[in-house]
Amino acid sequence: MTFAIHACKDGQSVVTMRISPEAAVDKARLLESLGWQVHIADSAGRRFVVLDFDRLLDLSAPASVHQHTEILSP
């Protein structure tokens, strides 16, 4: 999946592309810290604003594998 980082500041607009959600969020957070207004759009058309960046990362994380260990008594 690809992610487009949309940013605007002082009448300028830029769009950069990233292939991983982590890279997209890192770039978007950097731009936001520099005073840009940013959002990320994924290839499915979903839009993520700054407050949603953690949710975007959670959606991309693989499901955790839970292991169950059973201790048997002799």
Protein backbone atom coordinates (compact mmCIF):
# COMPACT_ATOMS: atom_id res chain seq x y z
CA MET A 1 0.00 0.00 0.00
CA THR A 2 1.22 3.52 -0.67
CA PHE A 3 0.71 6.58 1.48
CA ALA A 4 0.58 10.19 0.31
CA ILE A 5 1.61 12.88 2.78
CA HIS A 6 -0.21 16.12 1.95
CA ALA A 7 1.25 19.26 3.51
CA CYS A 8 0.54 22.97 3.14
CA LYS A 9 2.10 26.08 4.61
CA ASP A 10 2.15 29.74 3.58
CA GLY A 11 0.30 29.06 0.34
CA GLN A 12 2.59 26.20 -0.66
CA SER A 13 1.41 22.63 -1.07
CA VAL A 14 3.52 19.50 -1.31
CA VAL A 15 2.70 15.82 -1.64
CA THR A 16 5.24 13.10 -0.93
CA MET A 17 4.79 9.36 -1.24
CA ARG A 18 5.90 6.61 1.11
CA ILE A 19 5.37 2.84 0.95
CA SER A 20 5.18 2.11 4.66
CA PRO A 21 2.90 3.66 7.27
CA GLU A 22 5.86 4.15 9.62
CA ALA A 23 7.79 6.16 7.02
CA ALA A 24 4.67 8.18 6.16
CA VAL A 25 3.97 9.01 9.80
CA ASP A 26 7.63 9.93 10.43
CA LYS A 27 7.65 12.33 7.45
CA ALA A 28 4.27 13.80 8.36
CA ARG A 29 5.30 14.38 11.97
CA LEU A 30 8.51 16.08 10.82
CA LEU A 31 6.57 18.40 8.52
CA GLU A 32 4.01 19.12 11.24
CA SER A 33 6.81 20.01 13.68
CA LEU A 34 8.07 22.51 11.09
CA GLY A 35 4.70 24.26 11.00
CA TRP A 36 3.07 22.51 8.06
CA GLN A 37 -0.56 21.38 8.15
CA VAL A 38 -0.49 17.72 7.20
CA HIS A 39 -2.61 14.67 6.61
CA ILE A 40 -1.88 11.24 5.20
CA ALA A 41 -4.03 9.48 2.60
CA ASP A 42 -3.72 5.78 1.89
CA SER A 43 -4.32 4.06 -1.44
CA ALA A 44 -7.79 3.00 -0.25
CA GLY A 45 -8.79 6.67 0.06
CA ARG A 46 -8.75 6.88 3.85
CA ARG A 47 -7.48 10.16 5.28
CA PHE A 48 -5.54 10.41 8.55
CA VAL A 49 -5.00 13.72 10.33
CA VAL A 50 -2.33 14.25 13.00
CA LEU A 51 -4.57 12.91 15.77
CA ASP A 52 -5.09 9.69 13.74
CA PHE A 53 -1.41 8.87 13.11
CA ASP A 54 -1.21 6.38 15.98
CA ARG A 55 -4.36 4.69 14.68
CA LEU A 56 -2.74 4.40 11.24
CA LEU A 57 0.27 2.69 12.83
CA ASP A 58 -2.02 0.37 14.82
CA LEU A 59 -3.90 -0.62 11.66
CA SER A 60 -0.66 -1.59 9.96
CA ALA A 61 0.77 -3.60 12.86
CA PRO A 62 0.57 -7.36 12.41
CA ALA A 63 -1.80 -9.12 14.75
CA SER A 64 0.06 -10.16 17.82
CA VAL A 65 0.50 -13.84 18.40
CA HIS A 66 -0.51 -14.98 21.83
CA GLN A 67 1.19 -18.06 23.14
CA HIS A 68 -0.42 -20.19 25.77
CA THR A 69 1.84 -22.20 27.99
CA GLU A 70 0.40 -24.92 30.13
CA ILE A 71 2.38 -26.37 33.02
CA LEU A 72 1.54 -29.97 33.72
CA SER A 73 2.04 -31.43 37.18
CA PRO A 74 3.69 -34.89 37.41
